[in-house]
Amino acid sequence: MSHTVHPSATATDGDALRADARPPDRRMPGLEGFWLFVLGDLAVFTVLFAAYLLARSDDVAGFTEAQGELDVVLGGVNTVVLLTSSAAVVVALRHLRAGRVAAARGWTLVGLAGGVAFAVLKVLEYVRGWSDGHTPSAHDFFTYYLSLTGLHLGHVVAGCLLLALFAWRWRGLPDRVVPTSGFATVAVYWHVVDLLWLLIFPLIYVAR
């Protein structure tokens, strides 16, 4: 006994097989065009790093002496704070992708608290350093120190505002699947801020 295969069924099965054979989406996380901003931002910091190293090579002893006046312990504490904040944002994004909005909001607030703590400690460091004479007029090192850490602090403040915005938008929402591209973009930005500090801290505070 022969069986007739309906043409439409064959076409449907074939489409399903072709769909299964397609490679998964390999898009970078975040909104379109965001990575251009990241590359531009990294380029700016790269120029500043290069300028600092060039100036240091002309006055190694003076830069080393001025560098020794920084509070390495406080810089280390800020490093731990920012790394912890970045880890909290990673956890928040995982919860958001699973539809656990309340948990995502809670971890976002933890990340925000870390960012705020970093900013407060940095401002306190500036105030104390200024009273101790850590000004651009004291030595060129402090010009680069204030420029690099100040620009980075601006990035931290911007990141805190973005994290606060998402935490505010998610207040009271039930657990459900929500779009994640916006928060994924903020998460990547926060990791870039973290990466920049991991370059600034050893370069400005530690390396001799």
N, C-alpha and C. Protein backbone atom coordinates (compact mmCIF):
# COMPACT_ATOMS: atom_id res chain seq x y z
N MET A 1 0.85 -1.20 0.00
CA MET A 1 0.00 0.00 0.00
C MET A 1 0.88 1.24 0.00
N SER A 2 0.64 2.14 -0.94
CA SER A 2 1.49 3.33 -1.07
C SER A 2 0.90 4.46 -0.25
N HIS A 3 1.78 5.33 0.22
CA HIS A 3 1.37 6.51 1.00
C HIS A 3 1.75 7.76 0.22
N THR A 4 0.86 8.70 0.17
CA THR A 4 1.10 9.96 -0.53
C THR A 4 1.47 11.03 0.48
N VAL A 5 2.61 11.65 0.26
CA VAL A 5 3.06 12.72 1.14
C VAL A 5 2.55 14.04 0.61
N HIS A 6 1.84 14.74 1.45
CA HIS A 6 1.27 16.01 1.03
C HIS A 6 2.39 17.01 0.78
N PRO A 7 2.38 17.72 -0.36
CA PRO A 7 3.47 18.65 -0.70
C PRO A 7 3.68 19.72 0.36
N SER A 8 2.57 20.25 0.92
CA SER A 8 2.71 21.33 1.90
C SER A 8 3.39 20.83 3.16
N ALA A 9 3.11 19.56 3.54
CA ALA A 9 3.74 19.01 4.73
C ALA A 9 5.23 18.87 4.52
N THR A 10 5.62 18.42 3.28
CA THR A 10 7.04 18.28 2.98
C THR A 10 7.74 19.62 3.02
N ALA A 11 7.10 20.65 2.48
CA ALA A 11 7.69 21.99 2.47
C ALA A 11 7.85 22.51 3.89
N THR A 12 6.83 22.24 4.72
CA THR A 12 6.89 22.72 6.10
C THR A 12 8.03 22.04 6.85
N ASP A 13 8.13 20.71 6.66
CA ASP A 13 9.20 19.98 7.32
C ASP A 13 10.57 20.47 6.86
N GLY A 14 10.67 20.74 5.57
CA GLY A 14 11.93 21.23 5.04
C GLY A 14 12.30 22.58 5.61
N ASP A 15 11.29 23.48 5.73
CA ASP A 15 11.54 24.80 6.30
C ASP A 15 12.01 24.68 7.74
N ALA A 16 11.39 23.72 8.48
CA ALA A 16 11.77 23.54 9.88
C ALA A 16 13.21 23.05 9.99
N LEU A 17 13.57 22.12 9.09
CA LEU A 17 14.94 21.61 9.11
C LEU A 17 15.94 22.70 8.78
N ARG A 18 15.58 23.55 7.79
CA ARG A 18 16.48 24.63 7.43
C ARG A 18 16.59 25.64 8.56
N ALA A 19 15.48 25.88 9.26
CA ALA A 19 15.51 26.82 10.38
C ALA A 19 16.38 26.29 11.50
N ASP A 20 16.29 24.97 11.75
CA ASP A 20 17.11 24.38 12.80
C ASP A 20 18.58 24.42 12.44
N ALA A 21 18.86 24.39 11.13
CA ALA A 21 20.25 24.36 10.69
C ALA A 21 20.91 25.74 10.71
N ARG A 22 20.08 26.81 10.84
CA ARG A 22 20.66 28.15 10.85
C ARG A 22 21.53 28.34 12.09
N PRO A 23 22.66 29.03 11.93
CA PRO A 23 23.51 29.28 13.11
C PRO A 23 22.81 30.25 14.06
N PRO A 24 23.10 30.17 15.34
CA PRO A 24 22.48 31.07 16.30
C PRO A 24 22.92 32.51 16.06
N ASP A 25 22.09 33.45 16.56
CA ASP A 25 22.38 34.87 16.43
C ASP A 25 23.67 35.20 17.19
N ARG A 26 24.63 35.84 16.49
CA ARG A 26 25.92 36.15 17.08
C ARG A 26 26.07 37.65 17.34
N ARG A 27 24.97 38.38 17.47
CA ARG A 27 25.05 39.81 17.72
C ARG A 27 25.77 40.10 19.02
N MET A 28 26.50 41.22 19.02
CA MET A 28 27.11 41.69 20.25
C MET A 28 26.02 42.17 21.18
N PRO A 29 26.20 42.04 22.50
CA PRO A 29 25.18 42.51 23.43
C PRO A 29 25.07 44.02 23.40
N GLY A 30 23.86 44.52 23.66
CA GLY A 30 23.67 45.97 23.70
C GLY A 30 22.99 46.50 22.46
N LEU A 31 22.67 47.77 22.49
CA LEU A 31 21.97 48.42 21.40
C LEU A 31 22.90 48.65 20.22
N GLU A 32 22.31 48.77 19.02
CA GLU A 32 23.09 48.99 17.82
C GLU A 32 23.88 50.30 17.94
N GLY A 33 25.11 50.27 17.52
CA GLY A 33 25.95 51.46 17.53
C GLY A 33 26.66 51.73 18.83
N PHE A 34 26.29 51.00 19.89
CA PHE A 34 26.90 51.27 21.19
C PHE A 34 28.40 50.97 21.18
N TRP A 35 28.79 49.92 20.45
CA TRP A 35 30.19 49.54 20.46
C TRP A 35 31.07 50.57 19.78
N LEU A 36 30.50 51.40 18.90
CA LEU A 36 31.26 52.51 18.33
C LEU A 36 31.61 53.52 19.42
N PHE A 37 30.63 53.76 20.31
CA PHE A 37 30.89 54.64 21.44
C PHE A 37 31.99 54.07 22.33
N VAL A 38 31.93 52.76 22.58
CA VAL A 38 32.94 52.12 23.43
C VAL A 38 34.33 52.27 22.82
N LEU A 39 34.44 52.02 21.51
CA LEU A 39 35.74 52.14 20.85
C LEU A 39 36.26 53.57 20.90
N GLY A 40 35.36 54.53 20.70
CA GLY A 40 35.76 55.93 20.79
C GLY A 40 36.21 56.30 22.18
N ASP A 41 35.49 55.81 23.18
CA ASP A 41 35.83 56.08 24.57
C ASP A 41 37.19 55.49 24.93
N LEU A 42 37.41 54.26 24.52
CA LEU A 42 38.70 53.62 24.79
C LEU A 42 39.84 54.34 24.07
N ALA A 43 39.55 54.88 22.88
CA ALA A 43 40.57 55.62 22.15
C ALA A 43 40.99 56.87 22.91
N VAL A 44 40.01 57.57 23.50
CA VAL A 44 40.32 58.77 24.29
C VAL A 44 41.22 58.42 25.47
N PHE A 45 40.86 57.38 26.20
CA PHE A 45 41.68 56.98 27.34
C PHE A 45 43.06 56.49 26.90
N THR A 46 43.14 55.83 25.76
CA THR A 46 44.42 55.36 25.26
C THR A 46 45.36 56.54 25.00
N VAL A 47 44.83 57.62 24.43
CA VAL A 47 45.63 58.81 24.19
C VAL A 47 46.11 59.41 25.51
N LEU A 48 45.22 59.45 26.51
CA LEU A 48 45.61 59.98 27.82
C LEU A 48 46.67 59.10 28.49
N PHE A 49 46.51 57.78 28.39
CA PHE A 49 47.51 56.87 28.95
C PHE A 49 48.88 57.10 28.28
N ALA A 50 48.86 57.23 26.96
CA ALA A 50 50.11 57.42 26.22
C ALA A 50 50.76 58.75 26.61
N ALA A 51 49.95 59.81 26.76
CA ALA A 51 50.49 61.11 27.15
C ALA A 51 51.09 61.04 28.55
N TYR A 52 50.42 60.31 29.45
CA TYR A 52 50.95 60.17 30.81
C TYR A 52 52.29 59.45 30.80
N LEU A 53 52.38 58.35 30.09
CA LEU A 53 53.62 57.57 30.05
C LEU A 53 54.76 58.37 29.42
N LEU A 54 54.42 59.17 28.40
CA LEU A 54 55.44 59.99 27.75
C LEU A 54 55.96 61.06 28.71
N ALA A 55 55.03 61.73 29.42
CA ALA A 55 55.44 62.75 30.38
C ALA A 55 56.23 62.12 31.52
N ARG A 56 55.84 60.95 31.96
CA ARG A 56 56.55 60.27 33.04
C ARG A 56 57.98 59.91 32.64
N SER A 57 58.14 59.52 31.38
CA SER A 57 59.48 59.13 30.92
C SER A 57 60.45 60.31 30.95
N ASP A 58 59.94 61.54 30.91
CA ASP A 58 60.79 62.72 30.96
C ASP A 58 61.15 63.14 32.39
N ASP A 59 60.41 62.60 33.38
CA ASP A 59 60.66 62.97 34.78
C ASP A 59 60.26 61.81 35.68
N VAL A 60 60.97 60.71 35.57
CA VAL A 60 60.61 59.50 36.31
C VAL A 60 60.68 59.75 37.81
N ALA A 61 61.73 60.39 38.27
CA ALA A 61 61.90 60.61 39.71
C ALA A 61 60.80 61.50 40.27
N GLY A 62 60.48 62.58 39.56
CA GLY A 62 59.44 63.48 40.03
C GLY A 62 58.07 62.83 40.05
N PHE A 63 57.75 62.07 39.02
CA PHE A 63 56.46 61.38 38.96
C PHE A 63 56.37 60.33 40.06
N THR A 64 57.47 59.61 40.29
CA THR A 64 57.47 58.58 41.32
C THR A 64 57.27 59.18 42.70
N GLU A 65 57.92 60.30 42.95
CA GLU A 65 57.77 60.97 44.25
C GLU A 65 56.34 61.46 44.46
N ALA A 66 55.77 62.08 43.44
CA ALA A 66 54.39 62.57 43.55
C ALA A 66 53.41 61.42 43.67
N GLN A 67 53.66 60.36 42.94
CA GLN A 67 52.80 59.18 42.98
C GLN A 67 52.78 58.56 44.37
N GLY A 68 53.91 58.64 45.07
CA GLY A 68 54.00 58.06 46.41
C GLY A 68 53.12 58.75 47.43
N GLU A 69 52.59 59.92 47.10
CA GLU A 69 51.71 60.63 48.02
C GLU A 69 50.26 60.18 47.93
N LEU A 70 49.92 59.35 46.94
CA LEU A 70 48.55 58.86 46.80
C LEU A 70 48.27 57.77 47.83
N ASP A 71 47.01 57.62 48.16
CA ASP A 71 46.57 56.60 49.11
C ASP A 71 46.28 55.30 48.34
N VAL A 72 47.26 54.41 48.29
CA VAL A 72 47.11 53.17 47.53
C VAL A 72 46.04 52.28 48.15
N VAL A 73 45.94 52.28 49.48
CA VAL A 73 44.94 51.45 50.16
C VAL A 73 43.54 51.87 49.76
N LEU A 74 43.29 53.19 49.76
CA LEU A 74 41.96 53.68 49.37
C LEU A 74 41.67 53.35 47.91
N GLY A 75 42.70 53.47 47.07
CA GLY A 75 42.52 53.09 45.68
C GLY A 75 42.20 51.61 45.53
N GLY A 76 42.83 50.77 46.37
CA GLY A 76 42.55 49.34 46.35
C GLY A 76 41.14 49.03 46.81
N VAL A 77 40.69 49.75 47.85
CA VAL A 77 39.32 49.56 48.34
C VAL A 77 38.32 49.92 47.24
N ASN A 78 38.57 51.02 46.54
CA ASN A 78 37.68 51.42 45.45
C ASN A 78 37.68 50.39 44.33
N THR A 79 38.81 49.74 44.12
CA THR A 79 38.88 48.69 43.10
C THR A 79 37.96 47.52 43.47
N VAL A 80 38.02 47.10 44.72
CA VAL A 80 37.16 46.00 45.19
C VAL A 80 35.68 46.41 45.11
N VAL A 81 35.39 47.65 45.48
CA VAL A 81 34.01 48.13 45.45
C VAL A 81 33.48 48.10 44.02
N LEU A 82 34.27 48.57 43.06
CA LEU A 82 33.80 48.62 41.68
C LEU A 82 33.67 47.22 41.07
N LEU A 83 34.60 46.33 41.41
CA LEU A 83 34.50 44.95 40.92
C LEU A 83 33.24 44.27 41.47
N THR A 84 32.94 44.51 42.75
CA THR A 84 31.74 43.94 43.36
C THR A 84 30.49 44.49 42.69
N SER A 85 30.50 45.78 42.41
CA SER A 85 29.36 46.40 41.74
C SER A 85 29.16 45.80 40.35
N SER A 86 30.25 45.61 39.63
CA SER A 86 30.16 45.03 38.29
C SER A 86 29.61 43.61 38.34
N ALA A 87 30.04 42.83 39.33
CA ALA A 87 29.53 41.46 39.49
C ALA A 87 28.03 41.47 39.78
N ALA A 88 27.58 42.43 40.58
CA ALA A 88 26.15 42.54 40.89
C ALA A 88 25.33 42.84 39.64
N VAL A 89 25.87 43.66 38.75
CA VAL A 89 25.17 43.97 37.51
C VAL A 89 25.08 42.73 36.61
N VAL A 90 26.12 41.91 36.61
CA VAL A 90 26.08 40.64 35.86
C VAL A 90 24.93 39.77 36.36
N VAL A 91 24.82 39.64 37.68
CA VAL A 91 23.75 38.83 38.27
C VAL A 91 22.39 39.42 37.93
N ALA A 92 22.29 40.75 37.98
CA ALA A 92 21.02 41.42 37.66
C ALA A 92 20.59 41.11 36.23
N LEU A 93 21.52 41.14 35.29
CA LEU A 93 21.18 40.86 33.90
C LEU A 93 20.73 39.41 33.72
N ARG A 94 21.36 38.49 34.43
CA ARG A 94 20.94 37.08 34.34
C ARG A 94 19.51 36.90 34.85
N HIS A 95 19.19 37.55 35.96
CA HIS A 95 17.83 37.47 36.48
C HIS A 95 16.83 38.09 35.50
N LEU A 96 17.21 39.20 34.89
CA LEU A 96 16.30 39.88 33.97
C LEU A 96 16.02 39.00 32.76
N ARG A 97 17.04 38.34 32.24
CA ARG A 97 16.84 37.47 31.08
C ARG A 97 15.97 36.27 31.41
N ALA A 98 15.93 35.89 32.69
CA ALA A 98 15.08 34.79 33.12
C ALA A 98 13.68 35.27 33.51
N GLY A 99 13.42 36.56 33.40
CA GLY A 99 12.11 37.09 33.73
C GLY A 99 11.91 37.38 35.20
N ARG A 100 12.97 37.32 35.99
CA ARG A 100 12.86 37.60 37.43
C ARG A 100 13.15 39.08 37.66
N VAL A 101 12.15 39.91 37.40
CA VAL A 101 12.33 41.36 37.41
C VAL A 101 12.68 41.87 38.81
N ALA A 102 11.98 41.37 39.82
CA ALA A 102 12.23 41.83 41.19
C ALA A 102 13.67 41.55 41.62
N ALA A 103 14.15 40.35 41.31
CA ALA A 103 15.53 40.01 41.67
C ALA A 103 16.51 40.86 40.87
N ALA A 104 16.20 41.09 39.60
CA ALA A 104 17.07 41.94 38.77
C ALA A 104 17.15 43.35 39.34
N ARG A 105 16.01 43.86 39.81
CA ARG A 105 16.00 45.20 40.39
C ARG A 105 16.84 45.24 41.67
N GLY A 106 16.71 44.19 42.49
CA GLY A 106 17.48 44.15 43.73
C GLY A 106 18.97 44.15 43.49
N TRP A 107 19.43 43.35 42.54
CA TRP A 107 20.86 43.29 42.24
C TRP A 107 21.33 44.56 41.54
N THR A 108 20.44 45.18 40.77
CA THR A 108 20.80 46.46 40.16
C THR A 108 21.04 47.52 41.23
N LEU A 109 20.21 47.50 42.27
CA LEU A 109 20.40 48.44 43.38
C LEU A 109 21.72 48.17 44.11
N VAL A 110 22.11 46.89 44.20
CA VAL A 110 23.40 46.56 44.80
C VAL A 110 24.53 47.16 43.95
N GLY A 111 24.42 46.98 42.63
CA GLY A 111 25.42 47.56 41.73
C GLY A 111 25.45 49.07 41.83
N LEU A 112 24.28 49.68 41.92
CA LEU A 112 24.19 51.13 42.07
C LEU A 112 24.86 51.59 43.37
N ALA A 113 24.62 50.85 44.45
CA ALA A 113 25.23 51.21 45.74
C ALA A 113 26.76 51.17 45.64
N GLY A 114 27.28 50.19 44.92
CA GLY A 114 28.72 50.12 44.73
C GLY A 114 29.26 51.31 43.95
N GLY A 115 28.53 51.70 42.92
CA GLY A 115 28.95 52.86 42.13
C GLY A 115 28.93 54.14 42.95
N VAL A 116 27.89 54.30 43.76
CA VAL A 116 27.78 55.49 44.61
C VAL A 116 28.91 55.50 45.64
N ALA A 117 29.19 54.33 46.22
CA ALA A 117 30.27 54.24 47.21
C ALA A 117 31.61 54.61 46.57
N PHE A 118 31.84 54.13 45.36
CA PHE A 118 33.08 54.47 44.65
C PHE A 118 33.19 55.98 44.47
N ALA A 119 32.10 56.59 44.01
CA ALA A 119 32.12 58.04 43.76
C ALA A 119 32.37 58.82 45.04
N VAL A 120 31.71 58.42 46.14
CA VAL A 120 31.88 59.13 47.41
C VAL A 120 33.33 59.02 47.89
N LEU A 121 33.89 57.81 47.83
CA LEU A 121 35.28 57.63 48.26
C LEU A 121 36.24 58.42 47.39
N LYS A 122 35.95 58.50 46.10
CA LYS A 122 36.83 59.26 45.21
C LYS A 122 36.77 60.75 45.51
N VAL A 123 35.58 61.27 45.77
CA VAL A 123 35.45 62.69 46.11
C VAL A 123 36.17 62.99 47.42
N LEU A 124 36.03 62.10 48.40
CA LEU A 124 36.74 62.29 49.67
C LEU A 124 38.25 62.29 49.44
N GLU A 125 38.72 61.43 48.54
CA GLU A 125 40.14 61.39 48.21
C GLU A 125 40.59 62.70 47.58
N TYR A 126 39.75 63.25 46.69
CA TYR A 126 40.07 64.53 46.06
C TYR A 126 40.17 65.64 47.11
N VAL A 127 39.20 65.68 48.01
CA VAL A 127 39.17 66.74 49.02
C VAL A 127 40.41 66.67 49.91
N ARG A 128 40.72 65.47 50.37
CA ARG A 128 41.89 65.30 51.23
C ARG A 128 43.18 65.59 50.46
N GLY A 129 43.24 65.14 49.22
CA GLY A 129 44.43 65.38 48.42
C GLY A 129 44.63 66.85 48.11
N TRP A 130 43.54 67.55 47.85
CA TRP A 130 43.65 68.98 47.55
C TRP A 130 44.19 69.73 48.76
N SER A 131 43.72 69.36 49.95
CA SER A 131 44.21 70.00 51.17
C SER A 131 45.68 69.67 51.43
N ASP A 132 46.15 68.53 50.89
CA ASP A 132 47.54 68.14 51.05
C ASP A 132 48.43 68.68 49.93
N GLY A 133 47.84 69.48 49.06
CA GLY A 133 48.62 70.10 47.98
C GLY A 133 48.73 69.28 46.72
N HIS A 134 47.83 68.31 46.51
CA HIS A 134 47.86 67.49 45.30
C HIS A 134 47.13 68.22 44.18
N THR A 135 47.72 69.28 43.70
CA THR A 135 47.11 70.13 42.68
C THR A 135 47.98 70.14 41.43
N PRO A 136 47.43 70.52 40.28
CA PRO A 136 48.24 70.58 39.06
C PRO A 136 49.45 71.48 39.17
N SER A 137 49.36 72.51 40.01
CA SER A 137 50.50 73.40 40.17
C SER A 137 51.64 72.76 40.96
N ALA A 138 51.34 71.71 41.71
CA ALA A 138 52.38 71.05 42.52
C ALA A 138 53.29 70.20 41.65
N HIS A 139 52.70 69.47 40.71
CA HIS A 139 53.51 68.64 39.81
C HIS A 139 52.62 68.18 38.66
N ASP A 140 53.25 67.93 37.50
CA ASP A 140 52.48 67.47 36.34
C ASP A 140 51.77 66.15 36.60
N PHE A 141 52.33 65.33 37.49
CA PHE A 141 51.69 64.05 37.79
C PHE A 141 50.24 64.25 38.22
N PHE A 142 50.00 65.26 39.06
CA PHE A 142 48.65 65.47 39.58
C PHE A 142 47.70 65.98 38.49
N THR A 143 48.25 66.60 37.45
CA THR A 143 47.41 66.98 36.30
C THR A 143 46.86 65.74 35.63
N TYR A 144 47.72 64.77 35.39
CA TYR A 144 47.28 63.52 34.77
C TYR A 144 46.40 62.70 35.72
N TYR A 145 46.77 62.69 36.99
CA TYR A 145 45.98 61.97 37.99
C TYR A 145 44.55 62.50 38.03
N LEU A 146 44.39 63.81 38.11
CA LEU A 146 43.06 64.40 38.18
C LEU A 146 42.31 64.24 36.86
N SER A 147 43.02 64.33 35.74
CA SER A 147 42.37 64.20 34.44
C SER A 147 41.84 62.79 34.23
N LEU A 148 42.69 61.79 34.45
CA LEU A 148 42.29 60.40 34.22
C LEU A 148 41.22 59.94 35.20
N THR A 149 41.47 60.17 36.50
CA THR A 149 40.50 59.70 37.49
C THR A 149 39.22 60.55 37.45
N GLY A 150 39.35 61.83 37.12
CA GLY A 150 38.17 62.68 37.03
C GLY A 150 37.27 62.29 35.87
N LEU A 151 37.88 62.01 34.70
CA LEU A 151 37.10 61.56 33.55
C LEU A 151 36.45 60.22 33.86
N HIS A 152 37.18 59.35 34.52
CA HIS A 152 36.60 58.06 34.89
C HIS A 152 35.45 58.24 35.88
N LEU A 153 35.62 59.16 36.84
CA LEU A 153 34.54 59.42 37.81
C LEU A 153 33.29 59.90 37.10
N GLY A 154 33.45 60.72 36.06
CA GLY A 154 32.29 61.15 35.28
C GLY A 154 31.56 59.97 34.66
N HIS A 155 32.33 58.99 34.20
CA HIS A 155 31.72 57.77 33.64
C HIS A 155 30.96 57.00 34.74
N VAL A 156 31.53 56.96 35.94
CA VAL A 156 30.87 56.26 37.04
C VAL A 156 29.55 56.93 37.38
N VAL A 157 29.55 58.25 37.45
CA VAL A 157 28.31 58.99 37.76
C VAL A 157 27.26 58.73 36.69
N ALA A 158 27.67 58.76 35.42
CA ALA A 158 26.72 58.49 34.33
C ALA A 158 26.16 57.07 34.45
N GLY A 159 27.02 56.11 34.77
CA GLY A 159 26.56 54.73 34.94
C GLY A 159 25.59 54.59 36.10
N CYS A 160 25.86 55.30 37.19
CA CYS A 160 24.95 55.26 38.35
C CYS A 160 23.57 55.79 37.97
N LEU A 161 23.54 56.86 37.20
CA LEU A 161 22.26 57.43 36.78
C LEU A 161 21.48 56.44 35.91
N LEU A 162 22.19 55.72 35.03
CA LEU A 162 21.53 54.74 34.18
C LEU A 162 21.00 53.56 35.00
N LEU A 163 21.79 53.08 35.94
CA LEU A 163 21.34 51.99 36.80
C LEU A 163 20.13 52.42 37.62
N ALA A 164 20.17 53.63 38.14
CA ALA A 164 19.04 54.15 38.92
C ALA A 164 17.78 54.26 38.06
N LEU A 165 17.96 54.63 36.79
CA LEU A 165 16.81 54.75 35.88
C LEU A 165 16.12 53.41 35.69
N PHE A 166 16.90 52.35 35.46
CA PHE A 166 16.29 51.03 35.27
C PHE A 166 15.67 50.52 36.57
N ALA A 167 16.33 50.73 37.69
CA ALA A 167 15.75 50.30 38.97
C ALA A 167 14.42 51.02 39.22
N TRP A 168 14.34 52.27 38.83
CA TRP A 168 13.09 53.04 39.01
C TRP A 168 12.01 52.52 38.07
N ARG A 169 12.37 52.19 36.84
CA ARG A 169 11.39 51.71 35.86
C ARG A 169 10.83 50.35 36.25
N TRP A 170 11.62 49.53 36.93
CA TRP A 170 11.18 48.17 37.27
C TRP A 170 10.43 48.09 38.59
N ARG A 171 10.29 49.18 39.30
CA ARG A 171 9.66 49.13 40.62
C ARG A 171 8.22 48.63 40.48
N GLY A 172 7.86 47.66 41.30
CA GLY A 172 6.50 47.14 41.34
C GLY A 172 6.11 46.24 40.18
N LEU A 173 7.00 46.00 39.23
CA LEU A 173 6.65 45.14 38.10
C LEU A 173 6.62 43.68 38.53
N PRO A 174 5.66 42.90 38.04
CA PRO A 174 5.66 41.45 38.34
C PRO A 174 6.76 40.75 37.56
N ASP A 175 7.10 39.56 38.01
CA ASP A 175 8.11 38.77 37.29
C ASP A 175 7.54 38.34 35.95
N ARG A 176 8.20 38.74 34.90
CA ARG A 176 7.80 38.38 33.55
C ARG A 176 8.96 38.69 32.61
N VAL A 177 8.88 38.15 31.40
CA VAL A 177 9.93 38.41 30.42
C VAL A 177 9.81 39.83 29.91
N VAL A 178 10.89 40.59 29.99
CA VAL A 178 10.91 41.98 29.52
C VAL A 178 12.08 42.16 28.57
N PRO A 179 12.05 43.19 27.73
CA PRO A 179 13.20 43.45 26.84
C PRO A 179 14.48 43.69 27.66
N THR A 180 15.56 43.13 27.19
CA THR A 180 16.82 43.21 27.95
C THR A 180 17.91 44.01 27.25
N SER A 181 17.68 44.40 26.00
CA SER A 181 18.77 45.04 25.24
C SER A 181 19.23 46.34 25.88
N GLY A 182 18.29 47.12 26.41
CA GLY A 182 18.66 48.39 27.04
C GLY A 182 19.53 48.18 28.26
N PHE A 183 19.12 47.28 29.14
CA PHE A 183 19.90 47.04 30.35
C PHE A 183 21.21 46.33 30.01
N ALA A 184 21.20 45.48 28.98
CA ALA A 184 22.45 44.83 28.56
C ALA A 184 23.47 45.87 28.11
N THR A 185 22.99 46.92 27.45
CA THR A 185 23.87 48.01 27.04
C THR A 185 24.48 48.70 28.25
N VAL A 186 23.64 48.97 29.25
CA VAL A 186 24.14 49.60 30.48
C VAL A 186 25.14 48.68 31.18
N ALA A 187 24.86 47.38 31.18
CA ALA A 187 25.77 46.42 31.82
C ALA A 187 27.13 46.43 31.13
N VAL A 188 27.13 46.43 29.80
CA VAL A 188 28.40 46.47 29.08
C VAL A 188 29.14 47.77 29.39
N TYR A 189 28.41 48.88 29.41
CA TYR A 189 29.02 50.17 29.75
C TYR A 189 29.67 50.10 31.13
N TRP A 190 28.96 49.50 32.09
CA TRP A 190 29.47 49.41 33.46
C TRP A 190 30.74 48.55 33.51
N HIS A 191 30.79 47.51 32.69
CA HIS A 191 31.99 46.67 32.65
C HIS A 191 33.16 47.42 32.00
N VAL A 192 32.86 48.28 31.03
CA VAL A 192 33.91 49.10 30.42
C VAL A 192 34.47 50.08 31.46
N VAL A 193 33.58 50.67 32.26
CA VAL A 193 34.01 51.55 33.34
C VAL A 193 34.92 50.79 34.31
N ASP A 194 34.54 49.57 34.61
CA ASP A 194 35.34 48.71 35.48
C ASP A 194 36.71 48.44 34.86
N LEU A 195 36.72 48.09 33.58
CA LEU A 195 37.96 47.81 32.88
C LEU A 195 38.90 49.02 32.90
N LEU A 196 38.34 50.19 32.67
CA LEU A 196 39.16 51.40 32.66
C LEU A 196 39.82 51.63 34.02
N TRP A 197 39.06 51.38 35.09
CA TRP A 197 39.64 51.55 36.41
C TRP A 197 40.74 50.52 36.67
N LEU A 198 40.57 49.31 36.15
CA LEU A 198 41.59 48.28 36.31
C LEU A 198 42.88 48.63 35.56
N LEU A 199 42.79 49.56 34.62
CA LEU A 199 43.98 50.08 33.95
C LEU A 199 44.53 51.30 34.69
N ILE A 200 43.62 52.15 35.15
CA ILE A 200 44.03 53.39 35.83
C ILE A 200 44.70 53.10 37.17
N PHE A 201 44.11 52.20 37.95
CA PHE A 201 44.63 51.96 39.30
C PHE A 201 46.09 51.52 39.31
N PRO A 202 46.47 50.48 38.59
CA PRO A 202 47.89 50.09 38.62
C PRO A 202 48.79 51.13 37.97
N LEU A 203 48.31 51.78 36.92
CA LEU A 203 49.14 52.75 36.22
C LEU A 203 49.43 53.98 37.07
N ILE A 204 48.41 54.51 37.73
CA ILE A 204 48.54 55.76 38.48
C ILE A 204 48.96 55.52 39.93
N TYR A 205 48.45 54.47 40.55
CA TYR A 205 48.68 54.26 41.98
C TYR A 205 49.86 53.34 42.29
N VAL A 206 50.09 52.34 41.45
CA VAL A 206 50.99 51.26 41.82
C VAL A 206 52.30 51.27 41.06
N ALA A 207 52.24 51.32 39.74
CA ALA A 207 53.44 51.16 38.90
C ALA A 207 54.47 52.23 39.22
N ARG A 208 55.71 51.80 39.37
CA ARG A 208 56.81 52.73 39.65
C ARG A 208 57.82 52.70 38.50
